[in-house]
Amino acid sequence: MDAENIDFSAFSQDELKKVAAQAIHQIKEPEKGIGTELFEAVITIVPQTCIEAVVVDNLERPSKILVVWRDDQHYRGWHFPGGYIRFGQDFDETVRSVITRELGVPVKSFTDTEVKYSHLDSRGHTLGTIFLVELEGNPTQGQWFDHVPEELLEHHKDFLKKVLGWE
């Protein structure tokens, strides 16, 4: 059966929900990932939990932040590294894996700022927590700033104000 050729327009909302639930229950080993298409569909209807990493030059006395340029269908501008918590991961594992994946270096140390947020955007509803992160080595991506970059994503400007008091 080719799922892309099914005409779902004839289904009621209740029927669609039932079919979707039955299909999702058939997924085995979600810890191995669910694929981009399913993930993008799920996050439009279910809040997702993520981490944001305010990468600083020094955890004790931060004077610079590292941000990465993003230009895709959801955002255009500087942003903090971050990512969704994947099935089976905890906050610490997510911080470490996101930094290694996005910046190409391991984490030296990090701390939970205890700042939480809720954000609605084109992808859906994200609930997150913000960490201060210091790197072990030089990142392969991003740029250091000693001020708030003009093109920093608006909601990330709010993170920076809450975490470091920068405006």
Protein backbone atom coordinates (compact mmCIF):
# COMPACT_ATOMS: atom_id res chain seq x y z
CA MET A 1 0.00 0.00 0.00
CA ASP A 2 1.28 3.49 -0.86
CA ALA A 3 0.28 5.72 2.07
CA GLU A 4 0.81 8.87 -0.01
CA ASN A 5 -2.05 7.85 -2.34
CA ILE A 6 -4.69 7.44 0.38
CA ASP A 7 -7.39 10.11 0.15
CA PHE A 8 -7.78 11.20 3.78
CA SER A 9 -10.24 13.98 2.88
CA ALA A 10 -13.13 11.51 3.13
CA PHE A 11 -12.27 10.72 6.77
CA SER A 12 -13.87 12.56 9.68
CA GLN A 13 -11.57 14.12 12.30
CA ASP A 14 -12.43 11.30 14.72
CA GLU A 15 -11.60 8.67 12.08
CA LEU A 16 -8.28 10.39 11.27
CA LYS A 17 -7.33 10.46 14.96
CA LYS A 18 -8.17 6.77 15.32
CA VAL A 19 -6.16 5.77 12.22
CA ALA A 20 -3.20 7.92 13.32
CA ALA A 21 -3.24 6.40 16.81
CA GLN A 22 -3.35 2.86 15.41
CA ALA A 23 -0.45 3.61 13.07
CA ILE A 24 1.67 5.19 15.82
CA HIS A 25 1.10 2.21 18.10
CA GLN A 26 2.71 0.01 15.44
CA ILE A 27 6.05 1.86 15.64
CA LYS A 28 8.66 -0.33 17.28
CA GLU A 29 11.85 0.94 18.96
CA PRO A 30 11.09 4.69 18.96
CA GLU A 31 14.46 5.23 20.64
CA LYS A 32 15.97 4.61 17.19
CA GLY A 33 14.07 7.62 15.84
CA ILE A 34 10.72 8.11 14.14
CA GLY A 35 11.84 9.86 10.97
CA THR A 36 11.60 13.48 9.95
CA GLU A 37 8.14 13.29 8.36
CA LEU A 38 6.47 11.77 11.41
CA PHE A 39 8.38 14.02 13.81
CA GLU A 40 7.37 17.17 11.89
CA ALA A 41 3.74 15.99 11.92
CA VAL A 42 3.71 15.15 15.64
CA ILE A 43 5.23 18.45 16.78
CA THR A 44 2.38 20.39 15.15
CA ILE A 45 -0.11 18.85 17.61
CA VAL A 46 1.92 17.80 20.68
CA PRO A 47 4.16 20.14 22.71
CA GLN A 48 7.81 19.15 22.50
CA THR A 49 10.50 19.60 25.16
CA CYS A 50 13.86 20.99 24.21
CA ILE A 51 17.02 22.58 25.54
CA GLU A 52 18.64 25.83 24.52
CA ALA A 53 22.35 26.31 25.14
CA VAL A 54 23.60 29.81 25.85
CA VAL A 55 27.24 29.06 25.06
CA VAL A 56 29.58 31.41 26.92
CA ASP A 57 33.34 31.90 27.02
CA ASN A 58 33.43 31.34 30.80
CA LEU A 59 30.69 30.02 33.09
CA GLU A 60 31.88 32.05 36.09
CA ARG A 61 32.29 35.39 34.30
CA PRO A 62 30.67 35.27 30.88
CA SER A 63 31.75 38.10 28.59
CA LYS A 64 30.99 36.52 25.19
CA ILE A 65 28.26 34.35 23.70
CA LEU A 66 28.47 31.96 20.78
CA VAL A 67 25.61 31.95 18.30
CA VAL A 68 25.06 30.08 15.04
CA TRP A 69 23.48 31.42 11.84
CA ARG A 70 20.21 29.75 10.86
CA ASP A 71 18.38 30.20 7.59
CA ASP A 72 15.61 27.68 6.94
CA GLN A 73 11.83 27.48 6.55
CA HIS A 74 11.33 28.26 10.25
CA TYR A 75 13.91 30.94 11.13
CA ARG A 76 16.48 33.32 9.70
CA GLY A 77 19.04 34.85 12.03
CA TRP A 78 21.53 34.13 14.78
CA HIS A 79 20.38 31.61 17.36
CA PHE A 80 21.61 29.60 20.31
CA PRO A 81 22.33 25.93 19.74
CA GLY A 82 19.46 23.80 20.91
CA GLY A 83 17.41 20.76 20.21
CA TYR A 84 14.53 18.55 21.11
CA ILE A 85 14.96 15.96 23.81
CA ARG A 86 14.90 12.62 22.05
CA PHE A 87 13.18 9.48 23.25
CA GLY A 88 15.11 8.04 26.21
CA GLN A 89 17.39 11.08 26.70
CA ASP A 90 17.53 13.32 29.73
CA PHE A 91 18.48 17.01 29.87
CA ASP A 92 22.20 16.36 30.42
CA GLU A 93 22.47 13.91 27.52
CA THR A 94 20.62 16.32 25.27
CA VAL A 95 22.90 19.26 26.13
CA ARG A 96 25.99 17.18 25.39
CA SER A 97 24.68 15.62 22.15
CA VAL A 98 23.30 18.91 20.76
CA ILE A 99 26.56 20.78 21.39
CA THR A 100 28.69 18.02 19.89
CA ARG A 101 26.39 17.74 16.84
CA GLU A 102 25.96 21.48 16.21
CA LEU A 103 29.37 22.84 17.24
CA GLY A 104 31.71 19.90 16.71
CA VAL A 105 33.26 20.04 20.19
CA PRO A 106 32.45 18.48 23.56
CA VAL A 107 31.04 20.33 26.54
CA LYS A 108 33.53 21.35 29.23
CA SER A 109 30.85 22.21 31.78
CA PHE A 110 27.29 23.45 31.95
CA THR A 111 24.66 24.53 34.40
CA ASP A 112 20.87 24.64 34.35
CA THR A 113 19.79 28.30 34.57
CA GLU A 114 16.37 27.12 35.75
CA VAL A 115 14.86 29.48 33.16
CA LYS A 116 11.98 27.75 31.42
CA TYR A 117 10.01 28.95 28.43
CA SER A 118 7.00 28.21 26.25
CA HIS A 119 7.12 29.20 22.58
CA LEU A 120 4.64 28.86 19.72
CA ASP A 121 5.93 29.07 16.16
CA SER A 122 5.52 27.60 12.69
CA ARG A 123 6.59 24.16 13.93
CA GLY A 124 4.26 23.97 16.91
CA HIS A 125 4.53 24.37 20.68
CA THR A 126 7.93 24.06 22.34
CA LEU A 127 8.59 23.91 26.07
CA GLY A 128 12.21 24.34 26.99
CA THR A 129 14.85 24.96 29.56
CA ILE A 130 17.97 27.04 29.10
CA PHE A 131 21.49 25.95 30.02
CA LEU A 132 24.70 27.96 30.27
CA VAL A 133 27.43 26.00 28.51
CA GLU A 134 31.21 26.29 28.31
CA LEU A 135 32.99 24.42 25.53
CA GLU A 136 36.00 22.15 25.55
CA GLY A 137 37.92 23.51 22.55
CA ASN A 138 37.14 25.66 19.55
CA PRO A 139 33.78 25.24 17.84
CA THR A 140 33.55 24.41 14.15
CA GLN A 141 30.43 26.59 13.75
CA GLY A 142 29.21 29.93 15.03
CA GLN A 143 30.49 33.34 15.94
CA TRP A 144 31.38 34.92 19.28
CA PHE A 145 29.77 38.23 20.33
CA ASP A 146 30.32 40.47 23.35
CA HIS A 147 26.92 42.12 22.78
CA VAL A 148 23.45 41.14 21.59
CA PRO A 149 23.68 40.51 17.83
CA GLU A 150 21.16 42.57 15.83
CA GLU A 151 19.81 39.57 13.99
CA LEU A 152 19.46 37.32 17.04
CA LEU A 153 16.08 35.57 16.95
CA GLU A 154 13.60 37.60 19.02
CA HIS A 155 12.78 34.84 21.49
CA HIS A 156 16.53 34.18 21.94
CA LYS A 157 16.99 37.87 22.84
CA ASP A 158 14.55 37.19 25.65
CA PHE A 159 16.62 34.15 26.75
CA LEU A 160 19.75 36.30 26.83
CA LYS A 161 18.04 38.99 28.90
CA LYS A 162 16.72 36.44 31.41
CA VAL A 163 19.94 34.43 31.69
CA LEU A 164 22.70 37.07 31.49
CA GLY A 165 20.77 40.33 31.80
CA TRP A 166 21.98 41.48 28.35
CA GLU A 167 19.69 43.80 26.39
